[in-house]
Amino acid sequence: MELFLDPMKLLLATAKDVLPVLGLLVLFQMVVLRKPLPRPGRIIFGFCLVLVGMACFLGGLDLALFPVGRTMALQLAKGAQSGGREIWAADGYTCLPFWSGFPPPSRSRR
């Protein structure tokens, strides 16, 4: 049952975060553009699909990426407590986004 309740909690939290954006878009459509919503059923269905997709994405981040960030933070804190002997971790984490932007060389020859 806990496995069922946790995704539902995540879905409700995502809906709480996305509903103001939807409200703003509907308000803009009705007040500024002065046009009714075209096909509201399809818009509601699409909104539900967006909620499910965002909840799955956030759940994946929580399972895969956040533990890595937590580990990196603990390593950096451990290095700061030991007098900076593990400063290589900070250097590596700083350079990682820089080097990830370089594409690998092409293997094809013209």
N, C-alpha and C. Protein backbone atom coordinates (compact mmCIF):
# COMPACT_ATOMS: atom_id res chain seq x y z
N MET A 1 0.81 -1.19 0.00
CA MET A 1 0.00 0.00 0.00
C MET A 1 0.86 1.26 0.00
N GLU A 2 2.03 1.18 0.68
CA GLU A 2 2.92 2.34 0.74
C GLU A 2 3.44 2.70 -0.65
N LEU A 3 3.69 1.70 -1.45
CA LEU A 3 4.15 1.94 -2.82
C LEU A 3 3.08 2.67 -3.63
N PHE A 4 1.81 2.42 -3.33
CA PHE A 4 0.72 3.10 -4.03
C PHE A 4 0.55 4.54 -3.52
N LEU A 5 0.72 4.75 -2.22
CA LEU A 5 0.48 6.07 -1.65
C LEU A 5 1.59 7.06 -1.99
N ASP A 6 2.82 6.61 -2.09
CA ASP A 6 3.91 7.52 -2.38
C ASP A 6 3.79 8.13 -3.78
N PRO A 7 3.50 7.36 -4.84
CA PRO A 7 3.30 8.00 -6.14
C PRO A 7 2.08 8.92 -6.18
N MET A 8 1.04 8.58 -5.43
CA MET A 8 -0.13 9.46 -5.39
C MET A 8 0.22 10.78 -4.71
N LYS A 9 1.04 10.72 -3.66
CA LYS A 9 1.47 11.93 -2.97
C LYS A 9 2.32 12.79 -3.92
N LEU A 10 3.19 12.13 -4.68
CA LEU A 10 4.02 12.84 -5.65
C LEU A 10 3.16 13.47 -6.74
N LEU A 11 2.14 12.76 -7.20
CA LEU A 11 1.25 13.29 -8.23
C LEU A 11 0.46 14.48 -7.71
N LEU A 12 -0.01 14.42 -6.48
CA LEU A 12 -0.74 15.55 -5.89
C LEU A 12 0.17 16.76 -5.67
N ALA A 13 1.41 16.52 -5.26
CA ALA A 13 2.35 17.63 -5.07
C ALA A 13 2.68 18.28 -6.41
N THR A 14 2.81 17.48 -7.46
CA THR A 14 3.06 18.02 -8.79
C THR A 14 1.87 18.83 -9.27
N ALA A 15 0.66 18.33 -9.04
CA ALA A 15 -0.55 19.06 -9.44
C ALA A 15 -0.64 20.39 -8.70
N LYS A 16 -0.27 20.39 -7.42
CA LYS A 16 -0.30 21.64 -6.64
C LYS A 16 0.69 22.67 -7.21
N ASP A 17 1.81 22.20 -7.74
CA ASP A 17 2.80 23.11 -8.31
C ASP A 17 2.42 23.60 -9.70
N VAL A 18 1.70 22.79 -10.47
CA VAL A 18 1.41 23.12 -11.86
C VAL A 18 0.07 23.85 -12.02
N LEU A 19 -0.84 23.69 -11.08
CA LEU A 19 -2.15 24.33 -11.19
C LEU A 19 -2.08 25.86 -11.31
N PRO A 20 -1.20 26.56 -10.61
CA PRO A 20 -1.13 28.02 -10.82
C PRO A 20 -0.73 28.41 -12.24
N VAL A 21 0.14 27.62 -12.86
CA VAL A 21 0.54 27.90 -14.24
C VAL A 21 -0.66 27.71 -15.17
N LEU A 22 -1.40 26.63 -14.97
CA LEU A 22 -2.59 26.40 -15.78
C LEU A 22 -3.61 27.51 -15.58
N GLY A 23 -3.80 27.94 -14.34
CA GLY A 23 -4.73 29.03 -14.06
C GLY A 23 -4.32 30.32 -14.75
N LEU A 24 -3.03 30.61 -14.75
CA LEU A 24 -2.54 31.81 -15.42
C LEU A 24 -2.78 31.75 -16.93
N LEU A 25 -2.55 30.58 -17.51
CA LEU A 25 -2.77 30.43 -18.96
C LEU A 25 -4.25 30.57 -19.31
N VAL A 26 -5.12 29.97 -18.51
CA VAL A 26 -6.56 30.08 -18.77
C VAL A 26 -7.02 31.52 -18.58
N LEU A 27 -6.52 32.18 -17.55
CA LEU A 27 -6.87 33.59 -17.32
C LEU A 27 -6.42 34.47 -18.49
N PHE A 28 -5.23 34.23 -18.99
CA PHE A 28 -4.73 34.99 -20.12
C PHE A 28 -5.61 34.77 -21.36
N GLN A 29 -5.97 33.51 -21.58
CA GLN A 29 -6.81 33.17 -22.73
C GLN A 29 -8.17 33.87 -22.64
N MET A 30 -8.76 33.87 -21.46
CA MET A 30 -10.11 34.41 -21.31
C MET A 30 -10.13 35.93 -21.21
N VAL A 31 -9.16 36.54 -20.51
CA VAL A 31 -9.20 37.98 -20.24
C VAL A 31 -8.48 38.77 -21.32
N VAL A 32 -7.27 38.38 -21.65
CA VAL A 32 -6.48 39.17 -22.60
C VAL A 32 -6.89 38.88 -24.04
N LEU A 33 -6.94 37.59 -24.39
CA LEU A 33 -7.30 37.24 -25.77
C LEU A 33 -8.80 37.27 -26.02
N ARG A 34 -9.58 37.19 -24.95
CA ARG A 34 -11.04 37.21 -25.01
C ARG A 34 -11.61 36.13 -25.94
N LYS A 35 -11.07 34.96 -25.82
CA LYS A 35 -11.55 33.82 -26.61
C LYS A 35 -11.81 32.65 -25.65
N PRO A 36 -12.84 31.87 -25.93
CA PRO A 36 -13.10 30.70 -25.07
C PRO A 36 -12.03 29.63 -25.32
N LEU A 37 -11.94 28.72 -24.37
CA LEU A 37 -10.97 27.63 -24.51
C LEU A 37 -11.44 26.68 -25.61
N PRO A 38 -10.60 26.44 -26.61
CA PRO A 38 -10.99 25.48 -27.64
C PRO A 38 -10.79 24.05 -27.12
N ARG A 39 -11.80 23.25 -27.24
CA ARG A 39 -11.77 21.84 -26.84
C ARG A 39 -11.24 21.65 -25.41
N PRO A 40 -11.99 22.07 -24.41
CA PRO A 40 -11.51 21.96 -23.02
C PRO A 40 -11.26 20.52 -22.58
N GLY A 41 -11.98 19.57 -23.14
CA GLY A 41 -11.75 18.16 -22.79
C GLY A 41 -10.35 17.70 -23.16
N ARG A 42 -9.90 18.10 -24.33
CA ARG A 42 -8.54 17.73 -24.76
C ARG A 42 -7.50 18.45 -23.92
N ILE A 43 -7.79 19.67 -23.52
CA ILE A 43 -6.84 20.42 -22.69
C ILE A 43 -6.71 19.76 -21.32
N ILE A 44 -7.82 19.33 -20.74
CA ILE A 44 -7.79 18.66 -19.44
C ILE A 44 -7.05 17.33 -19.55
N PHE A 45 -7.31 16.58 -20.63
CA PHE A 45 -6.62 15.31 -20.84
C PHE A 45 -5.11 15.55 -20.99
N GLY A 46 -4.72 16.55 -21.75
CA GLY A 46 -3.30 16.87 -21.92
C GLY A 46 -2.67 17.31 -20.61
N PHE A 47 -3.41 18.06 -19.82
CA PHE A 47 -2.91 18.48 -18.52
C PHE A 47 -2.67 17.26 -17.61
N CYS A 48 -3.57 16.30 -17.65
CA CYS A 48 -3.38 15.07 -16.86
C CYS A 48 -2.14 14.31 -17.32
N LEU A 49 -1.92 14.24 -18.63
CA LEU A 49 -0.73 13.57 -19.13
C LEU A 49 0.55 14.31 -18.72
N VAL A 50 0.50 15.63 -18.72
CA VAL A 50 1.65 16.42 -18.27
C VAL A 50 1.93 16.14 -16.80
N LEU A 51 0.88 16.07 -15.98
CA LEU A 51 1.06 15.78 -14.56
C LEU A 51 1.72 14.42 -14.34
N VAL A 52 1.25 13.42 -15.06
CA VAL A 52 1.82 12.08 -14.91
C VAL A 52 3.28 12.08 -15.36
N GLY A 53 3.57 12.73 -16.48
CA GLY A 53 4.95 12.79 -16.96
C GLY A 53 5.87 13.52 -16.01
N MET A 54 5.43 14.64 -15.49
CA MET A 54 6.26 15.38 -14.54
C MET A 54 6.46 14.62 -13.24
N ALA A 55 5.43 13.92 -12.78
CA ALA A 55 5.57 13.13 -11.56
C ALA A 55 6.57 12.00 -11.77
N CYS A 56 6.52 11.34 -12.94
CA CYS A 56 7.49 10.28 -13.24
C CYS A 56 8.90 10.84 -13.33
N PHE A 57 9.05 12.00 -13.94
CA PHE A 57 10.35 12.64 -14.07
C PHE A 57 10.91 12.99 -12.70
N LEU A 58 10.09 13.60 -11.83
CA LEU A 58 10.55 13.95 -10.49
C LEU A 58 10.85 12.72 -9.65
N GLY A 59 10.07 11.66 -9.84
CA GLY A 59 10.36 10.41 -9.13
C GLY A 59 11.68 9.82 -9.57
N GLY A 60 11.97 9.89 -10.87
CA GLY A 60 13.25 9.41 -11.37
C GLY A 60 14.41 10.23 -10.85
N LEU A 61 14.22 11.55 -10.78
CA LEU A 61 15.27 12.39 -10.20
C LEU A 61 15.52 12.02 -8.74
N ASP A 62 14.45 11.78 -8.03
CA ASP A 62 14.57 11.44 -6.62
C ASP A 62 15.29 10.10 -6.43
N LEU A 63 15.08 9.18 -7.35
CA LEU A 63 15.73 7.86 -7.23
C LEU A 63 17.17 7.87 -7.72
N ALA A 64 17.47 8.63 -8.76
CA ALA A 64 18.77 8.50 -9.41
C ALA A 64 19.70 9.67 -9.16
N LEU A 65 19.25 10.88 -9.31
CA LEU A 65 20.15 12.03 -9.30
C LEU A 65 20.36 12.62 -7.91
N PHE A 66 19.34 12.70 -7.12
CA PHE A 66 19.48 13.32 -5.79
C PHE A 66 20.44 12.56 -4.88
N PRO A 67 20.47 11.20 -4.90
CA PRO A 67 21.47 10.51 -4.08
C PRO A 67 22.90 10.83 -4.50
N VAL A 68 23.14 11.03 -5.78
CA VAL A 68 24.48 11.40 -6.24
C VAL A 68 24.86 12.77 -5.69
N GLY A 69 23.94 13.72 -5.74
CA GLY A 69 24.20 15.04 -5.19
C GLY A 69 24.44 15.00 -3.69
N ARG A 70 23.68 14.15 -3.00
CA ARG A 70 23.87 14.00 -1.56
C ARG A 70 25.26 13.44 -1.26
N THR A 71 25.70 12.46 -2.04
CA THR A 71 27.02 11.87 -1.86
C THR A 71 28.11 12.90 -2.12
N MET A 72 27.94 13.69 -3.18
CA MET A 72 28.92 14.73 -3.48
C MET A 72 29.00 15.74 -2.35
N ALA A 73 27.87 16.15 -1.81
CA ALA A 73 27.86 17.12 -0.72
C ALA A 73 28.55 16.55 0.52
N LEU A 74 28.31 15.28 0.82
CA LEU A 74 28.96 14.66 1.97
C LEU A 74 30.46 14.57 1.78
N GLN A 75 30.91 14.26 0.56
CA GLN A 75 32.35 14.21 0.29
C GLN A 75 32.99 15.58 0.43
N LEU A 76 32.30 16.61 -0.06
CA LEU A 76 32.85 17.95 0.07
C LEU A 76 32.91 18.39 1.53
N ALA A 77 31.89 18.06 2.30
CA ALA A 77 31.89 18.42 3.72
C ALA A 77 32.97 17.65 4.47
N LYS A 78 33.16 16.40 4.11
CA LYS A 78 34.20 15.59 4.73
C LYS A 78 35.59 16.17 4.42
N GLY A 79 35.76 16.63 3.18
CA GLY A 79 37.04 17.24 2.81
C GLY A 79 37.28 18.54 3.55
N ALA A 80 36.24 19.31 3.77
CA ALA A 80 36.39 20.58 4.50
C ALA A 80 36.72 20.32 5.96
N GLN A 81 36.17 19.27 6.55
CA GLN A 81 36.43 18.96 7.95
C GLN A 81 37.83 18.41 8.15
N SER A 82 38.37 17.72 7.14
CA SER A 82 39.69 17.12 7.30
C SER A 82 40.81 18.09 6.93
N GLY A 83 40.49 19.33 6.75
CA GLY A 83 41.52 20.32 6.46
C GLY A 83 41.79 20.50 4.99
N GLY A 84 40.90 20.08 4.14
CA GLY A 84 41.05 20.31 2.70
C GLY A 84 41.89 19.28 1.98
N ARG A 85 42.10 18.11 2.58
CA ARG A 85 42.91 17.09 1.92
C ARG A 85 42.18 16.46 0.73
N GLU A 86 40.87 16.55 0.74
CA GLU A 86 40.10 15.95 -0.36
C GLU A 86 39.53 17.02 -1.27
N ILE A 87 40.33 18.03 -1.55
CA ILE A 87 39.87 19.13 -2.40
C ILE A 87 39.71 18.68 -3.85
N TRP A 88 40.32 17.56 -4.21
CA TRP A 88 40.18 17.05 -5.57
C TRP A 88 38.73 16.79 -5.93
N ALA A 89 37.90 16.45 -4.93
CA ALA A 89 36.48 16.21 -5.21
C ALA A 89 35.82 17.49 -5.69
N ALA A 90 36.13 18.61 -5.04
CA ALA A 90 35.55 19.89 -5.45
C ALA A 90 36.03 20.28 -6.84
N ASP A 91 37.30 20.03 -7.13
CA ASP A 91 37.82 20.34 -8.46
C ASP A 91 37.13 19.49 -9.53
N GLY A 92 36.96 18.22 -9.22
CA GLY A 92 36.31 17.33 -10.19
C GLY A 92 34.86 17.70 -10.42
N TYR A 93 34.15 18.04 -9.36
CA TYR A 93 32.75 18.40 -9.51
C TYR A 93 32.58 19.75 -10.21
N THR A 94 33.57 20.62 -10.07
CA THR A 94 33.52 21.90 -10.75
C THR A 94 33.77 21.73 -12.25
N CYS A 95 34.68 20.85 -12.61
CA CYS A 95 35.04 20.66 -14.02
C CYS A 95 34.06 19.77 -14.77
N LEU A 96 33.28 18.99 -14.05
CA LEU A 96 32.37 18.05 -14.71
C LEU A 96 31.40 18.70 -15.69
N PRO A 97 30.69 19.78 -15.33
CA PRO A 97 29.79 20.39 -16.32
C PRO A 97 30.55 20.97 -17.51
N PHE A 98 31.75 21.47 -17.27
CA PHE A 98 32.55 22.04 -18.36
C PHE A 98 32.92 20.97 -19.38
N TRP A 99 33.43 19.84 -18.92
CA TRP A 99 33.86 18.79 -19.83
C TRP A 99 32.69 18.04 -20.47
N SER A 100 31.53 18.04 -19.83
CA SER A 100 30.39 17.33 -20.41
C SER A 100 29.85 18.06 -21.64
N GLY A 101 30.22 19.31 -21.81
CA GLY A 101 29.75 20.06 -22.98
C GLY A 101 30.53 19.78 -24.25
N PHE A 102 31.67 19.12 -24.14
CA PHE A 102 32.47 18.82 -25.33
C PHE A 102 31.97 17.54 -25.98
N PRO A 103 31.69 17.59 -27.27
CA PRO A 103 31.26 16.36 -27.95
C PRO A 103 32.47 15.45 -28.20
N PRO A 104 32.23 14.16 -28.26
CA PRO A 104 33.35 13.27 -28.57
C PRO A 104 33.77 13.44 -30.03
N PRO A 105 35.00 13.11 -30.33
CA PRO A 105 35.44 13.24 -31.73
C PRO A 105 34.72 12.26 -32.62
N SER A 106 34.54 12.65 -33.86
CA SER A 106 33.85 11.79 -34.81
C SER A 106 34.78 10.67 -35.27
N ARG A 107 34.23 9.49 -35.41
CA ARG A 107 35.03 8.35 -35.85
C ARG A 107 34.98 8.15 -37.37
N SER A 108 34.08 8.85 -38.02
CA SER A 108 33.96 8.68 -39.46
C SER A 108 35.02 9.50 -40.19
N ARG A 109 35.52 8.92 -41.27
CA ARG A 109 36.50 9.63 -42.09
C ARG A 109 35.88 9.98 -43.42
N ARG A 110 36.19 11.15 -43.87
CA ARG A 110 35.58 11.59 -45.13
C ARG A 110 36.47 11.30 -46.29
